[in-house]
Amino acid sequence: MIAKHAARLLLRTRPTCAARTYATQARECVRIVEVGPRDGLQNESAVIPPAVKVELVNRLTEAGTEIIEAGSFVSPKWVPQMAGTAEVIKHMQRREGLHYPVLVPNLKGLEILLDLLAQQPKGEVPYTDEIAIFTAATDAFCKANTNCTIKESLERLTAVTARAAKEGLRVRGYVSVVIDCPYSGKVDPVIVRDVTKALLEMGCYEVSLGDTVGTGNPTTVGKMLETVIGGSSDISPSVLAGHYHDTFGMGVSNILTSLDYGLRTFDSSVGGLGGCPYSPGATGNVATEDVLYALQGSRFHAPGDLAKIAEVGSWISKQLNRTNASRVGKALEARRERERVEKERERDGGSAESVSAKL
């Protein structure tokens, strides 16, 4: 009963989709947590200037994204690409009513964030109003990621959550490797359930279940969710989110399966950015563009302009000198290029014909 009571209480401060005033009002809202600027960039090999990260957040905001994970206060020694998060959240555009959570691994990281917030001029939109904490469903992954066991990790996070709540920050939890672990293989869904319950009871308003390796499919994800929310678990799907990496191309399918189980929040990454430094071979999160396209025409809607977000995906992929991993993004990019060539042909009377034939 403790978990259910806590979940009901914390849902009062849970971010919700903006109110709709048009025909989609009757459709159910799906919340998208855009993790490209954090989870999407943390595994890149090249150094990414803070200015590029700032522009990425700004472009996502302009494209209608309502929740953007802006960075992480982890040690640059372990995750070099997250260096400069303080500079990013200070200089990015922030809009009232939107949310820009940051990942915080421990009390030290939280103290750095709190010191930064204390220095912010009064009257400004806060740099952030939410932190994310993380643990895993196996000791092996926990030890590789945070050099401690699951139990030790939860003990540390209890102190972080309590301090954050005292300072008025919302707390969101992550559970990594809910399907397979790169070090210990198949994961017991019962452990996923127990870790999820522990995060909710310590004060997380929501827990994101991460298929970090990206090996999950509708069957294995369904079995995991049945265990987490089924029987006497006392965990409502309304306080869960899905975080599915797309290593085997199952990200969208796993989201559709999760919708059937009652989940309404999903993490995704523009352009399919991502990977995990502690899960070799894992590709990025399911692409935001692919998720939005999959929901078109359904009884669900999610914030964001698909065409504009696809343009952001193309832009950041070029900035990183990498292939756009979003299938929808690549299709829309090809359409834009075709339309550009056709306009050129109309303008110059056909001299672009040879170029068009190559598309």
Protein backbone atom coordinates (compact mmCIF):
# COMPACT_ATOMS: atom_id res chain seq x y z
CA MET A 1 0.00 0.00 0.00
CA ILE A 2 2.91 2.36 0.61
CA ALA A 3 3.92 2.34 -3.04
CA LYS A 4 0.35 2.94 -4.23
CA HIS A 5 -0.17 5.82 -1.80
CA ALA A 6 3.17 7.37 -2.74
CA ALA A 7 2.38 7.01 -6.42
CA ARG A 8 -0.98 8.75 -6.04
CA LEU A 9 0.60 11.56 -4.05
CA LEU A 10 3.49 12.11 -6.44
CA LEU A 11 1.32 12.01 -9.53
CA ARG A 12 0.05 15.43 -8.49
CA THR A 13 3.41 16.87 -9.53
CA ARG A 14 3.95 14.57 -12.47
CA PRO A 15 4.55 16.49 -15.72
CA THR A 16 1.58 16.23 -18.06
CA CYS A 17 1.01 16.94 -21.72
CA ALA A 18 -0.08 20.46 -22.49
CA ALA A 19 -3.80 21.00 -22.81
CA ARG A 20 -5.22 20.47 -26.31
CA THR A 21 -7.96 22.63 -27.76
CA TYR A 22 -8.44 20.97 -31.13
CA ALA A 23 -9.69 17.69 -32.56
CA THR A 24 -7.11 15.53 -30.78
CA GLN A 25 -8.55 16.44 -27.39
CA ALA A 26 -10.31 13.09 -27.11
CA ARG A 27 -7.12 11.16 -27.81
CA GLU A 28 -4.95 9.89 -24.98
CA CYS A 29 -1.77 11.78 -24.35
CA VAL A 30 1.56 9.98 -24.54
CA ARG A 31 4.43 11.79 -22.83
CA ILE A 32 7.75 11.73 -24.66
CA VAL A 33 10.90 12.33 -22.63
CA GLU A 34 13.50 13.46 -25.16
CA VAL A 35 16.83 12.02 -23.97
CA GLY A 36 18.96 12.91 -26.99
CA PRO A 37 21.01 15.67 -25.33
CA ARG A 38 21.96 13.32 -22.47
CA ASP A 39 21.60 9.61 -23.21
CA GLY A 40 21.93 10.30 -26.90
CA LEU A 41 25.28 12.09 -26.69
CA GLN A 42 26.98 10.32 -23.80
CA ASN A 43 28.48 7.57 -25.96
CA GLU A 44 29.83 9.73 -28.79
CA SER A 45 33.58 9.42 -29.31
CA ALA A 46 34.25 12.96 -30.50
CA VAL A 47 34.14 15.92 -28.12
CA ILE A 48 30.90 17.87 -28.51
CA PRO A 49 31.14 21.60 -27.70
CA PRO A 50 28.58 22.88 -25.18
CA ALA A 51 27.35 25.32 -27.83
CA VAL A 52 26.20 22.41 -30.00
CA LYS A 53 24.38 20.87 -27.04
CA VAL A 54 22.72 24.19 -26.30
CA GLU A 55 21.56 24.51 -29.88
CA LEU A 56 20.25 20.94 -29.83
CA VAL A 57 18.10 21.69 -26.79
CA ASN A 58 16.92 24.97 -28.34
CA ARG A 59 15.97 23.31 -31.62
CA LEU A 60 14.06 20.58 -29.78
CA THR A 61 12.20 23.22 -27.78
CA GLU A 62 11.28 25.10 -30.96
CA ALA A 63 10.04 21.81 -32.46
CA GLY A 64 7.47 21.43 -29.69
CA THR A 65 9.24 18.99 -27.39
CA GLU A 66 7.98 19.45 -23.83
CA ILE A 67 10.41 17.36 -21.74
CA ILE A 68 14.11 17.40 -22.66
CA GLU A 69 16.78 15.69 -20.59
CA ALA A 70 19.43 18.37 -20.85
CA GLY A 71 22.53 16.69 -19.44
CA SER A 72 24.15 14.93 -16.53
CA PHE A 73 26.15 15.90 -13.47
CA VAL A 74 28.37 12.85 -13.59
CA SER A 75 32.15 12.91 -13.41
CA PRO A 76 33.69 13.84 -16.80
CA LYS A 77 36.31 11.19 -16.00
CA TRP A 78 33.69 8.47 -16.50
CA VAL A 79 31.40 10.10 -19.07
CA PRO A 80 33.45 12.78 -20.89
CA GLN A 81 30.62 13.88 -23.15
CA MET A 82 28.61 15.15 -20.19
CA ALA A 83 31.24 17.73 -19.30
CA GLY A 84 29.84 21.23 -19.54
CA THR A 85 26.28 20.40 -18.46
CA ALA A 86 26.26 23.41 -16.12
CA GLU A 87 27.11 25.68 -19.04
CA VAL A 88 24.44 24.03 -21.18
CA ILE A 89 21.56 24.51 -18.75
CA LYS A 90 22.63 28.09 -18.04
CA HIS A 91 22.67 29.16 -21.69
CA MET A 92 19.93 27.10 -23.32
CA GLN A 93 16.49 28.59 -23.90
CA ARG A 94 14.08 27.64 -21.13
CA ARG A 95 10.34 28.05 -21.41
CA GLU A 96 7.87 28.27 -18.58
CA GLY A 97 5.90 25.04 -18.26
CA LEU A 98 8.48 22.84 -20.00
CA HIS A 99 10.83 20.52 -18.15
CA TYR A 100 14.59 20.07 -18.55
CA PRO A 101 15.63 17.24 -16.17
CA VAL A 102 19.28 16.39 -15.54
CA LEU A 103 20.80 13.09 -14.46
CA VAL A 104 22.39 13.09 -11.00
CA PRO A 105 24.33 9.97 -9.88
CA ASN A 106 25.01 10.80 -6.24
CA LEU A 107 24.95 13.47 -3.52
CA LYS A 108 28.06 15.14 -4.89
CA GLY A 109 26.40 15.63 -8.26
CA LEU A 110 23.27 16.95 -6.56
CA GLU A 111 25.28 19.43 -4.49
CA ILE A 112 26.89 20.79 -7.67
CA LEU A 113 23.45 21.28 -9.18
CA LEU A 114 22.03 22.89 -6.04
CA ASP A 115 24.94 25.33 -5.86
CA LEU A 116 24.26 26.27 -9.47
CA LEU A 117 20.55 26.78 -8.81
CA ALA A 118 21.35 28.95 -5.79
CA GLN A 119 23.39 31.28 -8.00
CA GLN A 120 20.63 31.72 -10.58
CA PRO A 121 19.10 35.22 -10.72
CA LYS A 122 15.64 35.40 -9.21
CA GLY A 123 12.73 35.62 -11.61
CA GLU A 124 14.29 33.47 -14.31
CA VAL A 125 12.82 30.17 -15.46
CA PRO A 126 14.74 27.63 -13.33
CA TYR A 127 17.68 25.89 -14.95
CA THR A 128 15.83 22.70 -14.05
CA ASP A 129 13.09 21.54 -11.70
CA GLU A 130 13.82 17.83 -11.88
CA ILE A 131 16.60 15.32 -11.48
CA ALA A 132 16.88 11.73 -12.63
CA ILE A 133 18.60 9.01 -10.61
CA PHE A 134 19.62 5.60 -11.85
CA THR A 135 20.29 2.06 -10.76
CA ALA A 136 20.09 -1.35 -12.43
CA ALA A 137 18.42 -4.73 -12.19
CA THR A 138 21.69 -6.68 -11.85
CA ASP A 139 24.61 -6.33 -9.49
CA ALA A 140 27.03 -6.84 -12.38
CA PHE A 141 25.76 -3.83 -14.30
CA CYS A 142 25.54 -1.75 -11.12
CA LYS A 143 29.15 -2.51 -10.29
CA ALA A 144 30.30 -1.64 -13.82
CA ASN A 145 28.29 1.58 -13.83
CA THR A 146 28.50 2.86 -10.24
CA ASN A 147 30.97 0.50 -8.53
CA CYS A 148 28.39 -0.83 -6.07
CA THR A 149 25.67 -3.46 -5.71
CA ILE A 150 21.95 -2.85 -6.25
CA LYS A 151 21.41 -2.67 -2.49
CA GLU A 152 24.25 -0.20 -2.01
CA SER A 153 23.00 1.85 -4.95
CA LEU A 154 19.50 2.12 -3.48
CA GLU A 155 20.92 3.19 -0.13
CA ARG A 156 22.88 5.99 -1.79
CA LEU A 157 19.92 7.09 -3.89
CA THR A 158 17.63 7.30 -0.87
CA ALA A 159 19.76 10.15 0.48
CA VAL A 160 19.84 11.86 -2.94
CA THR A 161 16.05 11.64 -3.32
CA ALA A 162 15.39 12.97 0.18
CA ARG A 163 17.69 15.96 -0.34
CA ALA A 164 16.24 16.74 -3.76
CA ALA A 165 12.68 16.60 -2.42
CA LYS A 166 13.67 18.93 0.42
CA GLU A 167 14.93 21.41 -2.16
CA GLY A 168 11.70 21.19 -4.17
CA LEU A 169 13.01 19.12 -7.07
CA ARG A 170 11.04 16.29 -8.65
CA VAL A 171 12.85 12.96 -8.88
CA ARG A 172 12.56 10.42 -11.68
CA GLY A 173 14.15 6.99 -11.48
CA TYR A 174 15.83 4.78 -14.07
CA VAL A 175 16.27 1.01 -13.89
CA SER A 176 18.80 -0.24 -16.44
CA VAL A 177 19.01 -3.69 -18.06
CA VAL A 178 15.43 -4.78 -17.43
CA ILE A 179 15.58 -7.50 -20.13
CA ASP A 180 19.20 -8.57 -20.59
CA CYS A 181 22.47 -7.59 -18.93
CA PRO A 182 25.69 -7.47 -21.00
CA TYR A 183 27.56 -9.05 -18.08
CA SER A 184 25.15 -11.57 -16.53
CA GLY A 185 22.65 -12.43 -19.25
CA LYS A 186 18.88 -12.78 -18.80
CA VAL A 187 17.38 -10.59 -16.09
CA ASP A 188 14.80 -11.81 -13.59
CA PRO A 189 11.67 -9.61 -13.92
CA VAL A 190 11.05 -10.05 -10.19
CA ILE A 191 14.22 -8.08 -9.50
CA VAL A 192 13.04 -5.38 -11.91
CA ARG A 193 9.78 -5.20 -9.96
CA ASP A 194 11.51 -5.01 -6.59
CA VAL A 195 13.96 -2.31 -7.66
CA THR A 196 11.13 -0.31 -9.25
CA LYS A 197 9.11 -0.51 -6.05
CA ALA A 198 12.12 0.63 -4.01
CA LEU A 199 12.55 3.72 -6.22
CA LEU A 200 8.87 4.62 -5.95
CA GLU A 201 8.86 4.20 -2.19
CA MET A 202 11.89 6.45 -1.77
CA GLY A 203 10.08 9.24 -3.62
CA CYS A 204 10.41 8.91 -7.41
CA TYR A 205 7.26 10.13 -9.14
CA GLU A 206 8.01 7.83 -12.09
CA VAL A 207 10.38 4.98 -12.93
CA SER A 208 11.72 4.44 -16.44
CA LEU A 209 12.37 0.79 -17.32
CA GLY A 210 15.40 0.56 -19.56
CA ASP A 211 16.12 -2.14 -22.11
CA THR A 212 19.69 -0.88 -22.13
CA VAL A 213 21.07 -3.61 -24.39
CA GLY A 214 18.16 -3.33 -26.81
CA THR A 215 17.49 -7.06 -27.04
CA GLY A 216 13.88 -6.89 -25.87
CA ASN A 217 10.96 -7.75 -28.11
CA PRO A 218 7.17 -7.58 -27.55
CA THR A 219 7.21 -11.01 -25.90
CA THR A 220 10.02 -10.40 -23.42
CA VAL A 221 8.93 -6.83 -22.71
CA GLY A 222 5.39 -8.05 -22.16
CA LYS A 223 6.52 -10.72 -19.71
CA MET A 224 8.61 -8.18 -17.83
CA LEU A 225 5.70 -5.74 -17.56
CA GLU A 226 3.33 -8.50 -16.46
CA THR A 227 5.62 -9.18 -13.52
CA VAL A 228 6.23 -5.53 -12.64
CA ILE A 229 2.57 -4.47 -12.63
CA GLY A 230 0.80 -7.80 -12.22
CA GLY A 231 -0.39 -9.81 -9.24
CA SER A 232 0.19 -8.18 -5.87
CA SER A 233 3.01 -5.87 -7.03
CA ASP A 234 0.90 -2.77 -6.22
CA ILE A 235 2.67 -0.82 -9.00
CA SER A 236 0.48 1.10 -11.41
CA PRO A 237 1.51 1.41 -15.07
CA SER A 238 0.75 5.14 -14.70
CA VAL A 239 4.01 5.61 -12.77
CA LEU A 240 6.13 3.67 -15.28
CA ALA A 241 7.92 4.69 -18.47
CA GLY A 242 9.54 2.65 -21.22
CA HIS A 243 13.13 3.27 -22.28
CA TYR A 244 13.86 1.00 -25.23
CA HIS A 245 17.10 0.94 -27.14
CA ASP A 246 16.70 -0.03 -30.78
CA THR A 247 19.61 -2.43 -31.26
CA PHE A 248 17.41 -5.07 -32.91
CA GLY A 249 14.88 -2.66 -34.38
CA MET A 250 12.21 -3.47 -31.79
CA GLY A 251 11.93 -0.06 -30.11
CA VAL A 252 8.64 1.03 -31.69
CA SER A 253 7.12 -2.45 -31.33
CA ASN A 254 8.05 -2.49 -27.66
CA ILE A 255 6.38 0.89 -27.16
CA LEU A 256 3.18 -0.31 -28.81
CA THR A 257 3.24 -3.38 -26.58
CA SER A 258 3.77 -1.20 -23.52
CA LEU A 259 0.80 0.96 -24.47
CA ASP A 260 -1.33 -2.18 -24.27
CA TYR A 261 -0.09 -2.64 -20.70
CA GLY A 262 -1.10 0.89 -19.73
CA LEU A 263 2.20 2.78 -19.96
CA ARG A 264 1.84 6.32 -21.29
CA THR A 265 5.39 7.69 -21.00
CA PHE A 266 8.37 6.76 -23.16
CA ASP A 267 11.95 7.93 -23.54
CA SER A 268 13.22 8.49 -27.06
CA SER A 269 16.13 10.17 -28.77
CA VAL A 270 16.03 12.48 -31.78
CA GLY A 271 17.76 10.89 -34.74
CA GLY A 272 18.07 7.65 -32.79
CA LEU A 273 21.12 9.05 -30.99
CA GLY A 274 22.68 7.02 -28.25
CA GLY A 275 24.30 3.96 -26.87
CA CYS A 276 25.55 3.07 -23.44
CA PRO A 277 29.21 3.25 -22.37
CA TYR A 278 28.62 0.23 -20.11
CA SER A 279 26.76 -1.87 -22.68
CA PRO A 280 29.08 -2.51 -25.65
CA GLY A 281 27.25 -2.81 -28.96
CA ALA A 282 23.97 -1.28 -27.78
CA THR A 283 22.65 1.28 -30.24
CA GLY A 284 20.67 4.39 -29.48
CA ASN A 285 17.23 4.81 -28.05
CA VAL A 286 14.26 4.40 -30.32
CA ALA A 287 14.11 7.51 -32.49
CA THR A 288 11.66 10.22 -31.47
CA GLU A 289 10.63 10.66 -35.11
CA ASP A 290 9.78 6.96 -35.42
CA VAL A 291 7.66 7.05 -32.26
CA LEU A 292 5.68 10.10 -33.38
CA TYR A 293 5.08 8.57 -36.80
CA ALA A 294 3.94 5.28 -35.27
CA LEU A 295 1.31 7.11 -33.20
CA GLN A 296 -0.17 8.97 -36.18
CA GLY A 297 -3.79 8.04 -36.77
CA SER A 298 -4.01 6.12 -33.50
CA ARG A 299 -5.98 6.93 -30.37
CA PHE A 300 -2.82 8.46 -28.91
CA HIS A 301 -1.10 11.76 -29.47
CA ALA A 302 2.26 13.08 -28.31
CA PRO A 303 3.63 16.64 -28.23
CA GLY A 304 6.00 17.72 -30.96
CA ASP A 305 6.01 18.64 -34.64
CA LEU A 306 7.18 15.55 -36.52
CA ALA A 307 8.59 17.43 -39.51
CA LYS A 308 10.50 19.89 -37.33
CA ILE A 309 11.85 17.18 -35.04
CA ALA A 310 12.99 15.21 -38.09
CA GLU A 311 14.89 18.30 -39.24
CA VAL A 312 16.58 18.45 -35.83
CA GLY A 313 17.54 14.78 -36.20
CA SER A 314 19.10 15.44 -39.60
CA TRP A 315 20.94 18.48 -38.27
CA ILE A 316 22.47 16.82 -35.20
CA SER A 317 23.42 13.72 -37.18
CA LYS A 318 25.40 15.93 -39.58
CA GLN A 319 26.97 17.80 -36.66
CA LEU A 320 28.18 14.46 -35.25
CA ASN A 321 29.23 13.17 -38.68
CA ARG A 322 27.05 10.11 -38.24
CA THR A 323 24.21 8.45 -40.16
CA ASN A 324 20.74 9.44 -39.10
CA ALA A 325 19.44 6.33 -37.31
CA SER A 326 15.79 7.31 -37.61
CA ARG A 327 14.04 5.54 -40.47
CA VAL A 328 11.33 8.18 -40.55
CA GLY A 329 13.92 10.93 -40.31
CA LYS A 330 15.82 9.59 -43.31
CA ALA A 331 12.61 9.22 -45.33
CA LEU A 332 11.54 12.79 -44.59
CA GLU A 333 15.05 14.06 -45.33
CA ALA A 334 14.95 12.35 -48.74
CA ARG A 335 11.53 13.88 -49.40
CA ARG A 336 12.82 17.35 -48.54
CA GLU A 337 15.76 16.89 -50.88
CA ARG A 338 13.50 15.70 -53.69
CA GLU A 339 11.22 18.71 -53.21
CA ARG A 340 14.24 21.01 -53.23
CA VAL A 341 15.45 19.58 -56.53
CA GLU A 342 11.99 19.84 -58.08
CA LYS A 343 11.77 23.50 -57.09
CA GLU A 344 15.18 24.11 -58.65
CA ARG A 345 14.03 22.42 -61.83
CA GLU A 346 10.93 24.59 -61.99
CA ARG A 347 13.03 27.68 -61.38
CA ASP A 348 15.78 27.04 -63.94
CA GLY A 349 13.68 25.34 -66.59
CA GLY A 350 15.00 21.84 -66.27
CA SER A 351 18.75 22.13 -65.77
CA ALA A 352 18.39 20.19 -62.53
CA GLU A 353 16.84 17.24 -64.37
CA SER A 354 20.03 15.22 -64.27
CA VAL A 355 20.34 15.79 -60.56
CA SER A 356 16.78 14.71 -59.90
CA ALA A 357 17.29 11.48 -61.82
CA LYS A 358 19.96 10.45 -59.34
CA LEU A 359 17.64 10.67 -56.33
